[in-house]
C-alpha atoms as a PDB file:
ATOM      1  CA  MET A   1      -4.996  -7.080  28.511  1.00  0.00           C
ATOM      2  CA  PRO A   2      -3.646 -10.030  30.516  1.00  0.00           C
ATOM      3  CA  GLY A   3      -5.410 -13.287  29.850  1.00  0.00           C
ATOM      4  CA  THR A   4      -6.849 -12.166  26.499  1.00  0.00           C
ATOM      5  CA  THR A   5      -6.079 -14.353  23.529  1.00  0.00           C
ATOM      6  CA  LEU A   6      -7.268 -14.237  19.947  1.00  0.00           C
ATOM      7  CA  ASP A   7      -9.748 -16.980  20.891  1.00  0.00           C
ATOM      8  CA  HIS A   8     -11.538 -14.446  23.119  1.00  0.00           C
ATOM      9  CA  LEU A   9     -11.913 -11.804  20.402  1.00  0.00           C
ATOM     10  CA  ARG A  10     -14.664 -11.454  17.815  1.00  0.00           C
ATOM     11  CA  PRO A  11     -13.552 -11.144  14.150  1.00  0.00           C
ATOM     12  CA  ASP A  12     -14.497  -7.438  14.143  1.00  0.00           C
ATOM     13  CA  GLN A  13     -12.041  -6.863  17.017  1.00  0.00           C
ATOM     14  CA  ILE A  14      -9.030  -8.227  15.154  1.00  0.00           C
ATOM     15  CA  CYS A  15      -7.083  -5.968  12.813  1.00  0.00           C
ATOM     16  CA  ASP A  16      -4.872  -7.927  10.454  1.00  0.00           C
ATOM     17  CA  GLU A  17      -3.789  -4.914   8.392  1.00  0.00           C
ATOM     18  CA  PRO A  18      -0.279  -3.544   8.729  1.00  0.00           C
ATOM     19  CA  PRO A  19       0.063  -0.425  10.869  1.00  0.00           C
ATOM     20  CA  ALA A  20       0.408   3.044   9.382  1.00  0.00           C
ATOM     21  CA  LEU A  21       4.065   3.999   8.985  1.00  0.00           C
ATOM     22  CA  PHE A  22       3.554   7.776   8.945  1.00  0.00           C
ATOM     23  CA  SER A  23       0.920  10.497   9.133  1.00  0.00           C
ATOM     24  CA  LEU A  24      -0.748  11.721   5.946  1.00  0.00           C
ATOM     25  CA  GLY A  25      -1.478  15.268   7.108  1.00  0.00           C
ATOM     26  CA  ASN A  26      -4.091  17.015   4.949  1.00  0.00           C
ATOM     27  CA  VAL A  27      -5.060  14.969   1.890  1.00  0.00           C
ATOM     28  CA  VAL A  28      -5.567  16.836  -1.385  1.00  0.00           C
ATOM     29  CA  ALA A  29      -5.880  15.802  -5.032  1.00  0.00           C
ATOM     30  CA  THR A  30      -5.553  17.473  -8.390  1.00  0.00           C
ATOM     31  CA  PRO A  31      -8.761  17.802 -10.431  1.00  0.00           C
ATOM     32  CA  ALA A  32      -7.337  15.516 -13.132  1.00  0.00           C
ATOM     33  CA  ALA A  33      -6.522  12.815 -10.561  1.00  0.00           C
ATOM     34  CA  LEU A  34     -10.026  13.078  -9.109  1.00  0.00           C
ATOM     35  CA  ALA A  35     -11.503  12.634 -12.589  1.00  0.00           C
ATOM     36  CA  LEU A  36      -9.438   9.456 -13.128  1.00  0.00           C
ATOM     37  CA  ILE A  37     -10.397   8.121  -9.705  1.00  0.00           C
ATOM     38  CA  GLN A  38     -14.078   8.627 -10.478  1.00  0.00           C
ATOM     39  CA  LYS A  39     -13.787   7.200 -14.007  1.00  0.00           C
ATOM     40  CA  HIS A  40     -12.055   4.021 -12.800  1.00  0.00           C
ATOM     41  CA  GLY A  41     -14.071   3.575  -9.589  1.00  0.00           C
ATOM     42  CA  VAL A  42     -11.006   3.595  -7.362  1.00  0.00           C
ATOM     43  CA  SER A  43     -11.260   3.638  -3.567  1.00  0.00           C
ATOM     44  CA  VAL A  44      -9.267   6.625  -2.293  1.00  0.00           C
ATOM     45  CA  PRO A  45      -9.163   5.294   1.302  1.00  0.00           C
ATOM     46  CA  GLN A  46      -7.771   1.996  -0.001  1.00  0.00           C
ATOM     47  CA  LEU A  47      -5.056   3.747  -2.042  1.00  0.00           C
ATOM     48  CA  LEU A  48      -4.127   5.948   0.917  1.00  0.00           C
ATOM     49  CA  ASN A  49      -3.987   2.909   3.192  1.00  0.00           C
ATOM     50  CA  ARG A  50      -1.678   1.114   0.779  1.00  0.00           C
ATOM     51  CA  HIS A  51       0.537   4.205   0.544  1.00  0.00           C
ATOM     52  CA  GLN A  52       0.645   4.651   4.309  1.00  0.00           C
ATOM     53  CA  THR A  53       1.415   0.990   5.071  1.00  0.00           C
ATOM     54  CA  GLY A  54       4.284   0.470   2.642  1.00  0.00           C
ATOM     55  CA  ASP A  55       2.555  -0.992  -0.420  1.00  0.00           C
ATOM     56  CA  TRP A  56       4.456   1.086  -2.991  1.00  0.00           C
ATOM     57  CA  GLN A  57       3.119  -0.964  -5.882  1.00  0.00           C
ATOM     58  CA  GLU A  58       4.940   0.129  -8.985  1.00  0.00           C
ATOM     59  CA  LEU A  59       8.199   1.498  -7.619  1.00  0.00           C
ATOM     60  CA  CYS A  60      11.533  -0.093  -8.413  1.00  0.00           C
ATOM     61  CA  ALA A  61      13.469  -1.717  -5.573  1.00  0.00           C
ATOM     62  CA  GLU A  62      15.709   1.332  -5.164  1.00  0.00           C
ATOM     63  CA  ASP A  63      12.728   3.701  -4.797  1.00  0.00           C
ATOM     64  CA  ARG A  64      11.022   1.320  -2.355  1.00  0.00           C
ATOM     65  CA  ASN A  65      14.189   1.337  -0.226  1.00  0.00           C
ATOM     66  CA  VAL A  66      14.231   5.141  -0.315  1.00  0.00           C
ATOM     67  CA  ASN A  67      10.599   5.119   0.845  1.00  0.00           C
ATOM     68  CA  TRP A  68      11.374   2.826   3.780  1.00  0.00           C
ATOM     69  CA  ARG A  69      14.033   5.252   4.977  1.00  0.00           C
ATOM     70  CA  ALA A  70      11.753   8.235   4.298  1.00  0.00           C
ATOM     71  CA  ALA A  71       8.813   6.715   6.180  1.00  0.00           C
ATOM     72  CA  PHE A  72      10.852   6.735   9.381  1.00  0.00           C
ATOM     73  CA  GLY A  73      12.786   9.918   8.669  1.00  0.00           C
ATOM     74  CA  CYS A  74      12.142  13.394   7.378  1.00  0.00           C
ATOM     75  CA  GLU A  75      11.813  12.817   3.648  1.00  0.00           C
ATOM     76  CA  ARG A  76       8.863  12.690   1.283  1.00  0.00           C
ATOM     77  CA  VAL A  77       7.224   9.354   0.519  1.00  0.00           C
ATOM     78  CA  LEU A  78       6.080   8.527  -3.024  1.00  0.00           C
ATOM     79  CA  SER A  79       3.747   5.751  -4.166  1.00  0.00           C
ATOM     80  CA  ALA A  80       2.870   4.906  -7.754  1.00  0.00           C
ATOM     81  CA  PHE A  81      -0.284   2.990  -8.619  1.00  0.00           C
ATOM     82  CA  ASN A  82      -1.755   1.658 -11.845  1.00  0.00           C
ATOM     83  CA  ILE A  83      -5.523   2.096 -11.596  1.00  0.00           C
ATOM     84  CA  GLY A  84      -6.074   0.950 -15.175  1.00  0.00           C
ATOM     85  CA  SER A  85      -5.299  -2.424 -16.689  1.00  0.00           C
ATOM     86  CA  LYS A  86      -1.986  -4.050 -17.498  1.00  0.00           C
ATOM     87  CA  ASP A  87      -2.582  -3.384 -21.208  1.00  0.00           C
ATOM     88  CA  HIS A  88      -3.849   0.174 -20.663  1.00  0.00           C
ATOM     89  CA  PRO A  89      -2.122   1.525 -17.558  1.00  0.00           C
ATOM     90  CA  VAL A  90      -3.441   4.632 -15.840  1.00  0.00           C
ATOM     91  CA  ARG A  91      -0.940   5.939 -13.341  1.00  0.00           C
ATOM     92  CA  LEU A  92      -1.529   7.858 -10.150  1.00  0.00           C
ATOM     93  CA  TRP A  93       1.061   9.092  -7.699  1.00  0.00           C
ATOM     94  CA  ILE A  94       0.580   9.736  -4.009  1.00  0.00           C
ATOM     95  CA  ILE A  95       3.170  11.965  -2.362  1.00  0.00           C
ATOM     96  CA  THR A  96       3.394  12.691   1.357  1.00  0.00           C
ATOM     97  CA  GLU A  97       5.631  15.669   2.059  1.00  0.00           C
ATOM     98  CA  TRP A  98       8.715  15.404   4.275  1.00  0.00           C
ATOM     99  CA  ASP A  99       7.038  17.280   7.155  1.00  0.00           C
ATOM    100  CA  ARG A 100       3.866  15.109   6.897  1.00  0.00           C
ATOM    101  CA  SER A 101       1.744  18.255   6.512  1.00  0.00           C
ATOM    102  CA  VAL A 102       0.083  17.209   3.256  1.00  0.00           C
ATOM    103  CA  THR A 103      -0.436  14.195   1.025  1.00  0.00           C
ATOM    104  CA  THR A 104      -1.234  14.840  -2.630  1.00  0.00           C
ATOM    105  CA  ILE A 105      -2.890  12.478  -5.107  1.00  0.00           C
ATOM    106  CA  LEU A 106      -1.935  13.384  -8.667  1.00  0.00           C
ATOM    107  CA  ARG A 107      -1.114  12.141 -12.138  1.00  0.00           C
ATOM    108  CA  PRO A 108       2.621  12.009 -12.939  1.00  0.00           C
ATOM    109  CA  GLN A 109       2.124  14.697 -15.584  1.00  0.00           C
ATOM    110  CA  ASP A 110       0.614  16.982 -12.896  1.00  0.00           C
ATOM    111  CA  TYR A 111       3.907  17.027 -10.993  1.00  0.00           C
END
């Protein structure tokens, strides 16, 4: 809107989060992943937001680069998150399929 600056907006009108890079499609989770999420008090919306905005926490540089290409192309996108502690890691994966029809939350051993 012409003439509108950040000075004219209330804090609840400003979004400082990065934009979504791709659609999630239908979101599903394995029962084992859901049990871990509940046990560790993890926010599923927060994990999905991180996945969808390019915060691929525990991936190596090569896998992050693959994800950047995949996010704007027709390939699957994988995120890996540690929802435990540094000393006792608990890993979850989030995978969005190449056609963006479904996003699955799972443990690596569920793959």
